[in-house]
């Protein structure tokens, strides 16, 4: 009897040990079907950029690092991602479809949408859907009541009827179930707001930091540029400014922002005189910046320079020809600038501010011709650096009041 009980106890213990040892195998081999709510929001991810060519780790200078816009980003689809910049631009990129989202109610009976950017919705002024996205899910931009402009790529084939719920001037008509097919979408596509509606204004300020600016010209330009930023950002409407530093290798100093402190700090700390004047490179960078902002916006380039182009691309074929020994080194660069500006004038308002404190005679005449040819919205000229601040004030007023306001150049 005791022997039988003893044997049964050993058998039970061995069975228990075998079962315990088998549990990890169960965990590794048994699959579980978990049906997650497809409408649930992805967890908020800050400063995480999905794999892409732009996200590759590239070494940058401290100057370039200082310009990076603060970004919030994460995933909003299996292969779709979102990013929200300081400038209030919500971008949806990647490929495929976005998730569906939905209105919910919290414990205090407040309604909200479970999109990852909902808590920041009041800062969103523009929505950009990049090429590769094919479907915009339910309630994707619901509650984004401050949106002024919407750009949607032609790759989008379906838009949920609630994707723009609560968005004024939505491309989706009320009481519809959505839009299938890009041809149907084009009937609703938001390419321009009403004439009386407010448009966002994006201005690229190109500041000359070439070696010829040393001393008083650079100091006066910096003070005038800071007041320009203050005037534009303090005006009515929605305004954003980016800064491009012009020298041998132009760079983006500050991406589009409405943060005056960020702009003035960069101007104070990073605009110093060195190198040559690669005007063409600065214009090309400005084009890259403006090409990323919503189409239904006022887009401005303000080019400030104290001399002739003398770096970057060259072209021996163009509107300018060699006609003096002093201009031999300039006209090929000027041709490249002219060709680039001609294309940009089809898309943007270009203002030029020339302060010829050091050019003389034929060089000054040629510089005046080039800077006037580049602009389509206003030409300003200063010979005394002390007057630069007043001219910047005039320029700021035209940028604020104008869009493309053609100034008289009969005295040029």
Protein backbone atom coordinates (compact mmCIF):
# COMPACT_ATOMS: atom_id res chain seq x y z
CA UNK A 1 0.00 0.00 0.00
CA UNK A 2 2.73 2.45 0.99
CA UNK A 3 4.86 1.28 -1.95
CA UNK A 4 1.90 1.84 -4.28
CA UNK A 5 1.33 5.35 -2.92
CA UNK A 6 5.05 6.08 -3.22
CA UNK A 7 5.15 4.96 -6.85
CA UNK A 8 2.03 6.99 -7.67
CA UNK A 9 3.62 10.09 -6.06
CA UNK A 10 6.75 9.67 -8.16
CA UNK A 11 4.67 9.24 -11.30
CA UNK A 12 2.67 12.41 -10.52
CA UNK A 13 5.84 14.42 -9.91
CA UNK A 14 7.37 13.24 -13.18
CA UNK A 15 4.22 14.15 -15.07
CA UNK A 16 4.19 17.62 -13.51
CA UNK A 17 7.86 18.16 -14.44
CA UNK A 18 7.17 17.05 -17.99
CA UNK A 19 4.24 19.48 -18.32
CA UNK A 20 6.28 22.36 -16.94
CA UNK A 21 9.13 21.64 -19.33
CA UNK A 22 6.65 21.61 -22.23
CA UNK A 23 5.11 25.05 -21.54
CA UNK A 24 7.84 27.08 -23.33
CA UNK A 25 7.39 24.83 -26.34
CA UNK A 26 3.68 25.66 -26.31
CA UNK A 27 4.49 29.38 -26.20
CA UNK A 28 6.81 29.06 -29.16
CA UNK A 29 4.67 26.83 -31.34
CA UNK A 30 1.06 27.73 -30.68
CA UNK A 31 -0.27 30.70 -32.68
CA UNK A 32 -2.93 33.03 -31.32
CA UNK A 33 -5.33 35.00 -33.49
CA UNK A 34 -5.59 38.50 -32.05
CA UNK A 35 -8.08 40.78 -33.73
CA UNK A 36 -6.86 44.30 -33.01
CA UNK A 37 -9.16 47.24 -33.51
CA UNK A 38 -8.05 48.62 -36.88
CA UNK A 39 -9.37 52.05 -35.98
CA UNK A 40 -7.21 52.41 -32.91
CA UNK A 41 -4.56 55.11 -33.01
CA UNK A 42 -0.95 54.17 -33.39
CA UNK A 43 1.07 55.06 -30.32
CA UNK A 44 2.60 58.54 -30.51
CA UNK A 45 6.22 58.42 -31.61
CA UNK A 46 8.35 61.55 -31.36
CA UNK A 47 11.38 62.14 -33.56
CA UNK A 48 11.30 58.72 -35.21
CA UNK A 49 11.62 58.88 -38.97
CA UNK A 50 10.79 55.79 -41.05
CA UNK A 51 13.36 54.33 -43.41
CA UNK A 52 13.75 56.43 -46.52
CA UNK A 53 16.43 58.05 -48.59
CA UNK A 54 15.96 61.27 -46.66
CA UNK A 55 16.28 59.46 -43.37
CA UNK A 56 19.70 58.05 -44.18
CA UNK A 57 22.35 59.05 -41.72
CA UNK A 58 24.23 61.84 -43.40
CA UNK A 59 26.90 63.89 -41.68
CA UNK A 60 25.93 67.54 -41.42
CA UNK A 61 27.64 70.62 -40.12
CA UNK A 62 26.60 72.21 -36.88
CA UNK A 63 25.20 75.05 -38.97
CA UNK A 64 22.92 72.66 -40.81
CA UNK A 65 21.88 70.84 -37.67
CA UNK A 66 20.78 74.11 -36.13
CA UNK A 67 18.28 74.59 -38.93
CA UNK A 68 16.31 71.38 -38.53
CA UNK A 69 12.65 71.95 -37.89
CA UNK A 70 11.26 70.35 -34.73
CA UNK A 71 9.30 67.38 -36.03
CA UNK A 72 6.74 65.06 -34.50
CA UNK A 73 6.22 61.88 -36.46
CA UNK A 74 5.14 58.28 -36.43
CA UNK A 75 3.16 55.69 -38.36
CA UNK A 76 -0.43 56.12 -39.56
CA UNK A 77 -0.67 53.03 -41.74
CA UNK A 78 1.14 49.76 -42.31
CA UNK A 79 3.54 51.58 -44.62
CA UNK A 80 2.27 55.14 -44.24
CA UNK A 81 3.82 57.68 -41.91
CA UNK A 82 3.05 61.19 -40.70
CA UNK A 83 5.12 64.18 -39.68
CA UNK A 84 4.15 67.57 -38.25
CA UNK A 85 6.60 70.48 -38.59
CA UNK A 86 7.00 73.70 -36.65
CA UNK A 87 5.46 75.44 -39.63
CA UNK A 88 2.18 73.60 -39.02
CA UNK A 89 2.45 71.32 -42.06
CA UNK A 90 1.04 67.83 -41.50
CA UNK A 91 2.54 65.52 -44.12
CA UNK A 92 1.32 62.00 -44.88
CA UNK A 93 3.92 59.98 -46.80
CA UNK A 94 4.96 56.45 -47.58
CA UNK A 95 2.88 54.01 -49.59
CA UNK A 96 -0.52 52.38 -49.44
CA UNK A 97 -3.46 53.17 -47.20
CA UNK A 98 -3.69 55.01 -43.92
CA UNK A 99 -5.45 53.59 -40.90
CA UNK A 100 -9.10 54.34 -40.20
CA UNK A 101 -9.70 56.40 -37.07
CA UNK A 102 -12.86 57.26 -35.15
CA UNK A 103 -14.45 59.75 -32.80
CA UNK A 104 -14.37 58.63 -29.17
CA UNK A 105 -15.48 59.95 -25.79
CA UNK A 106 -13.23 60.16 -22.75
CA UNK A 107 -14.16 59.67 -19.10
CA UNK A 108 -15.27 63.29 -18.84
CA UNK A 109 -17.52 62.92 -21.88
CA UNK A 110 -15.24 65.00 -24.14
CA UNK A 111 -15.18 63.97 -27.77
CA UNK A 112 -11.84 63.36 -29.49
CA UNK A 113 -10.40 61.51 -32.46
CA UNK A 114 -7.79 58.81 -31.85
CA UNK A 115 -5.32 60.16 -34.42
CA UNK A 116 -1.80 60.59 -33.03
CA UNK A 117 -1.75 64.31 -33.90
CA UNK A 118 -5.19 65.20 -32.49
CA UNK A 119 -3.77 66.93 -29.41
CA UNK A 120 -1.77 69.19 -31.77
CA UNK A 121 -4.62 69.79 -34.24
CA UNK A 122 -4.89 73.51 -33.52
CA UNK A 123 -1.32 74.03 -34.82
CA UNK A 124 -2.02 72.37 -38.18
CA UNK A 125 -2.52 74.92 -40.97
CA UNK A 126 -1.69 72.77 -44.00
CA UNK A 127 -2.08 69.15 -45.04
CA UNK A 128 0.14 67.53 -47.68
CA UNK A 129 -0.49 64.01 -48.99
CA UNK A 130 2.58 62.78 -50.83
CA UNK A 131 2.74 60.58 -53.90
CA UNK A 132 2.48 56.88 -52.99
CA UNK A 133 -0.51 57.15 -50.65
CA UNK A 134 -3.54 55.53 -52.28
CA UNK A 135 -6.27 55.75 -49.64
CA UNK A 136 -7.16 58.22 -46.86
CA UNK A 137 -8.98 56.55 -44.00
CA UNK A 138 -11.92 57.51 -41.83
CA UNK A 139 -11.60 60.59 -39.60
CA UNK A 140 -7.96 61.02 -40.66
CA UNK A 141 -8.04 64.82 -40.34
CA UNK A 142 -11.22 65.17 -38.34
CA UNK A 143 -11.21 68.17 -36.01
CA UNK A 144 -8.33 69.97 -37.78
CA UNK A 145 -10.34 73.18 -37.91
CA UNK A 146 -7.39 75.53 -38.57
CA UNK A 147 -6.38 73.96 -41.88
CA UNK A 148 -6.08 76.53 -44.67
CA UNK A 149 -4.58 74.49 -47.50
CA UNK A 150 -4.75 70.87 -48.62
CA UNK A 151 -2.51 69.27 -51.27
CA UNK A 152 -3.29 65.71 -52.31
CA UNK A 153 -1.14 63.68 -54.69
CA UNK A 154 -2.64 62.09 -57.79
CA UNK A 155 -1.80 58.64 -56.42
CA UNK A 156 -4.75 58.91 -54.01
CA UNK A 157 -7.59 56.75 -55.35
CA UNK A 158 -9.97 56.80 -52.40
CA UNK A 159 -10.88 59.33 -49.72
CA UNK A 160 -13.16 58.37 -46.87
CA UNK A 161 -16.29 60.47 -46.48
CA UNK A 162 -15.21 61.38 -42.92
CA UNK A 163 -11.51 61.92 -43.64
CA UNK A 164 -11.94 65.70 -43.44
CA UNK A 165 -14.74 65.75 -40.89
CA UNK A 166 -14.97 69.25 -39.43
CA UNK A 167 -12.40 70.72 -41.84
CA UNK A 168 -13.67 73.89 -43.49
CA UNK A 169 -13.42 73.88 -47.31
CA UNK A 170 -13.08 70.10 -47.23
CA UNK A 171 -12.62 68.45 -50.63
CA UNK A 172 -15.38 66.03 -49.58
CA UNK A 173 -18.95 67.20 -49.96
CA UNK A 174 -21.28 66.75 -47.00
CA UNK A 175 -23.37 63.60 -46.74
CA UNK A 176 -21.22 61.60 -49.12
CA UNK A 177 -19.63 58.25 -48.47
CA UNK A 178 -16.27 59.19 -49.91
CA UNK A 179 -14.64 59.53 -53.29
CA UNK A 180 -13.33 56.67 -55.38
CA UNK A 181 -11.02 57.36 -58.28
CA UNK A 182 -8.79 60.33 -58.89
CA UNK A 183 -11.04 61.70 -61.64
CA UNK A 184 -13.90 61.97 -59.17
CA UNK A 185 -11.57 63.50 -56.61
CA UNK A 186 -10.50 66.20 -59.04
CA UNK A 187 -14.06 67.51 -59.01
CA UNK A 188 -13.56 68.39 -55.36
CA UNK A 189 -9.82 68.99 -55.19
CA UNK A 190 -8.94 72.05 -53.16
CA UNK A 191 -6.60 74.10 -55.33
CA UNK A 192 -7.60 77.55 -54.10
CA UNK A 193 -9.69 78.95 -51.29
CA UNK A 194 -12.27 81.67 -51.80
CA UNK A 195 -10.81 85.03 -52.81
CA UNK A 196 -11.68 86.41 -49.39
CA UNK A 197 -10.21 83.47 -47.50
CA UNK A 198 -6.95 83.78 -45.66
CA UNK A 199 -3.91 82.26 -47.35
CA UNK A 200 -0.74 81.24 -45.60
CA UNK A 201 2.38 83.14 -46.63
CA UNK A 202 5.76 81.39 -46.91
CA UNK A 203 8.81 83.60 -47.43
CA UNK A 204 12.41 82.47 -47.99
CA UNK A 205 14.87 85.14 -46.89
CA UNK A 206 18.26 84.78 -48.63
CA UNK A 207 20.91 86.65 -46.64
CA UNK A 208 24.30 87.44 -48.15
CA UNK A 209 27.12 86.03 -46.03
CA UNK A 210 29.92 86.33 -48.60
CA UNK A 211 33.29 87.80 -47.68
CA UNK A 212 32.51 91.18 -49.27
CA UNK A 213 29.88 91.73 -46.57
CA UNK A 214 32.44 92.10 -43.76
CA UNK A 215 32.04 95.01 -41.43
CA UNK A 216 29.19 97.50 -41.47
CA UNK A 217 27.20 95.94 -44.36
CA UNK A 218 26.88 92.60 -42.55
CA UNK A 219 26.02 94.22 -39.23
CA UNK A 220 23.32 96.42 -40.77
CA UNK A 221 21.92 93.53 -42.83
CA UNK A 222 21.53 91.37 -39.71
CA UNK A 223 19.66 94.05 -37.78
CA UNK A 224 17.45 94.85 -40.76
CA UNK A 225 16.72 91.16 -41.39
CA UNK A 226 15.62 90.65 -37.79
CA UNK A 227 13.21 93.57 -38.06
CA UNK A 228 11.94 92.18 -41.35
CA UNK A 229 11.14 88.85 -39.65
CA UNK A 230 9.42 90.66 -36.78
CA UNK A 231 7.30 92.74 -39.17
CA UNK A 232 6.21 89.83 -41.34
CA UNK A 233 5.47 87.42 -38.49
CA UNK A 234 3.64 90.16 -36.58
CA UNK A 235 1.34 90.97 -39.48
CA UNK A 236 -2.18 89.67 -39.95
CA UNK A 237 -2.61 86.21 -41.38
CA UNK A 238 -0.52 83.07 -41.23
CA UNK A 239 3.17 83.69 -41.93
CA UNK A 240 6.26 81.50 -42.01
CA UNK A 241 9.85 82.44 -42.79
CA UNK A 242 12.86 80.33 -43.76
CA UNK A 243 16.46 81.58 -43.97
CA UNK A 244 19.03 80.59 -46.59
CA UNK A 245 22.63 81.66 -46.02
CA UNK A 246 24.30 82.84 -49.25
CA UNK A 247 28.02 82.23 -49.72
CA UNK A 248 30.15 79.70 -51.65
CA UNK A 249 28.01 76.79 -50.40
CA UNK A 250 24.52 78.07 -49.57
CA UNK A 251 22.60 76.18 -46.90
CA UNK A 252 19.23 76.22 -45.22
CA UNK A 253 19.82 78.11 -42.00
CA UNK A 254 16.27 77.82 -40.65
CA UNK A 255 13.42 75.89 -42.21
CA UNK A 256 9.96 77.44 -42.33
CA UNK A 257 8.86 78.57 -38.90
CA UNK A 258 6.86 81.29 -37.19
CA UNK A 259 9.21 81.25 -34.18
CA UNK A 260 10.79 84.72 -34.15
CA UNK A 261 13.33 83.74 -31.49
CA UNK A 262 14.63 80.88 -33.63
CA UNK A 263 15.06 83.20 -36.62
CA UNK A 264 16.75 86.04 -34.74
CA UNK A 265 19.06 83.66 -32.88
CA UNK A 266 20.21 82.11 -36.13
CA UNK A 267 20.83 85.52 -37.70
CA UNK A 268 22.84 86.67 -34.68
CA UNK A 269 24.91 83.50 -34.29
CA UNK A 270 25.37 82.13 -37.80
CA UNK A 271 25.40 84.90 -40.41
CA UNK A 272 29.10 85.69 -40.77
CA UNK A 273 31.07 86.79 -43.83
CA UNK A 274 33.10 84.23 -45.80
CA UNK A 275 33.40 82.79 -49.29
CA UNK A 276 31.96 83.88 -52.62
CA UNK A 277 28.42 84.57 -53.91
CA UNK A 278 26.73 81.39 -55.20
CA UNK A 279 23.41 83.04 -56.03
CA UNK A 280 22.19 80.19 -58.20
CA UNK A 281 22.70 77.67 -55.42
CA UNK A 282 20.71 79.84 -53.00
CA UNK A 283 17.82 80.10 -55.47
CA UNK A 284 17.79 76.34 -56.02
CA UNK A 285 17.65 75.71 -52.26
CA UNK A 286 14.80 78.21 -51.97
CA UNK A 287 12.92 76.29 -54.65
CA UNK A 288 13.38 73.06 -52.70
CA UNK A 289 11.96 74.68 -49.57
CA UNK A 290 8.94 76.21 -51.30
CA UNK A 291 8.15 73.08 -53.28
CA UNK A 292 7.30 71.35 -49.99
CA UNK A 293 4.68 73.85 -48.83
CA UNK A 294 0.98 73.70 -49.78
CA UNK A 295 0.13 74.81 -53.29
CA UNK A 296 -2.57 77.23 -52.18
CA UNK A 297 -0.17 79.61 -50.45
CA UNK A 298 1.61 82.87 -51.17
CA UNK A 299 5.22 81.89 -51.85
CA UNK A 300 7.98 84.49 -51.76
CA UNK A 301 11.73 84.58 -52.27
CA UNK A 302 13.61 87.62 -50.99
CA UNK A 303 17.14 87.70 -52.41
CA UNK A 304 19.58 90.05 -50.67
CA UNK A 305 23.03 90.45 -52.19
CA UNK A 306 25.80 93.00 -52.41
CA UNK A 307 27.49 91.77 -55.57
CA UNK A 308 27.51 89.81 -58.77
CA UNK A 309 27.15 86.01 -58.86
CA UNK A 310 30.58 84.44 -58.70
CA UNK A 311 30.08 80.80 -57.80
CA UNK A 312 27.99 77.71 -58.49
CA UNK A 313 26.63 76.74 -61.90
CA UNK A 314 27.82 78.44 -65.07
CA UNK A 315 26.31 78.83 -68.52
CA UNK A 316 28.03 80.26 -71.56
CA UNK A 317 24.69 80.38 -73.37
CA UNK A 318 22.19 82.88 -72.08
CA UNK A 319 20.95 86.41 -72.00
CA UNK A 320 24.25 87.91 -70.85
CA UNK A 321 27.38 88.08 -72.97
CA UNK A 322 30.96 88.91 -72.09
CA UNK A 323 31.48 92.61 -72.68
CA UNK A 324 34.20 93.78 -70.31
CA UNK A 325 37.31 92.35 -68.75
CA UNK A 326 36.00 92.87 -65.22
CA UNK A 327 32.79 90.98 -65.96
CA UNK A 328 34.52 88.04 -67.63
CA UNK A 329 34.37 86.01 -64.44
CA UNK A 330 30.74 86.95 -63.77
CA UNK A 331 28.61 86.61 -66.89
CA UNK A 332 28.59 82.80 -67.03
CA UNK A 333 27.38 82.64 -63.42
CA UNK A 334 24.83 85.35 -64.17
CA UNK A 335 23.47 83.32 -67.10
CA UNK A 336 22.86 80.36 -64.78
CA UNK A 337 21.12 82.62 -62.26
CA UNK A 338 18.94 84.13 -64.97
CA UNK A 339 17.90 80.70 -66.26
CA UNK A 340 17.03 79.42 -62.79
CA UNK A 341 15.13 82.58 -61.85
CA UNK A 342 13.13 82.48 -65.09
CA UNK A 343 11.71 79.11 -64.09
CA UNK A 344 11.09 80.15 -60.48
CA UNK A 345 9.21 83.30 -61.49
CA UNK A 346 6.50 81.04 -62.91
CA UNK A 347 5.86 79.73 -59.40
CA UNK A 348 6.93 82.33 -56.86
CA UNK A 349 7.08 86.04 -56.11
CA UNK A 350 10.74 87.05 -56.18
CA UNK A 351 11.95 90.25 -54.57
CA UNK A 352 15.55 91.42 -54.92
CA UNK A 353 17.41 93.79 -52.63
CA UNK A 354 20.75 94.97 -53.98
CA UNK A 355 23.13 96.96 -51.79
CA UNK A 356 26.01 97.93 -54.04
CA UNK A 357 28.30 99.45 -51.43
CA UNK A 358 31.47 98.14 -53.08
CA UNK A 359 30.69 97.73 -56.81
CA UNK A 360 31.67 100.51 -59.21
CA UNK A 361 31.11 101.53 -62.81
CA UNK A 362 30.40 98.65 -65.21
CA UNK A 363 30.28 96.03 -62.45
CA UNK A 364 27.64 98.05 -60.65
CA UNK A 365 25.69 98.50 -63.89
CA UNK A 366 25.84 94.77 -64.61
CA UNK A 367 24.82 93.92 -61.04
CA UNK A 368 21.81 96.21 -61.32
CA UNK A 369 20.74 94.52 -64.57
CA UNK A 370 21.07 91.00 -63.11
CA UNK A 371 19.22 91.71 -59.86
CA UNK A 372 16.43 93.47 -61.73
CA UNK A 373 16.10 90.58 -64.21
CA UNK A 374 15.81 88.04 -61.38
CA UNK A 375 12.80 89.69 -59.71
CA UNK A 376 9.14 89.70 -60.70
CA UNK A 377 7.67 91.36 -57.60
CA UNK A 378 9.99 94.20 -56.62
CA UNK A 379 13.53 95.53 -57.03
CA UNK A 380 15.21 97.54 -54.27
CA UNK A 381 18.61 99.14 -54.41
CA UNK A 382 20.75 100.64 -51.67
CA UNK A 383 24.21 102.16 -51.99
CA UNK A 384 24.57 103.36 -48.41
CA UNK A 385 24.52 100.48 -45.86
CA UNK A 386 23.01 102.84 -43.30
CA UNK A 387 19.85 103.00 -45.43
CA UNK A 388 19.49 99.23 -45.64
CA UNK A 389 17.19 99.03 -42.63
CA UNK A 390 14.69 101.48 -44.11
CA UNK A 391 14.67 99.58 -47.40
CA UNK A 392 14.00 96.32 -45.55
CA UNK A 393 11.01 98.02 -43.93
CA UNK A 394 9.60 98.91 -47.35
CA UNK A 395 10.22 95.39 -48.58
CA UNK A 396 8.44 93.88 -45.57
CA UNK A 397 5.43 96.09 -46.24
CA UNK A 398 5.20 94.92 -49.84
CA UNK A 399 5.58 91.27 -48.85
CA UNK A 400 2.81 91.64 -46.26
CA UNK A 401 0.42 93.54 -48.52
CA UNK A 402 1.20 92.12 -51.86
CA UNK A 403 1.90 88.67 -53.02
CA UNK A 404 3.15 89.58 -56.45
CA UNK A 405 3.04 93.36 -56.49
CA UNK A 406 5.08 94.64 -59.41
CA UNK A 407 7.10 97.67 -58.41
CA UNK A 408 8.09 100.29 -60.93
CA UNK A 409 11.55 99.80 -62.36
CA UNK A 410 11.47 102.76 -64.72
CA UNK A 411 14.34 104.35 -62.83
CA UNK A 412 16.54 101.27 -63.07
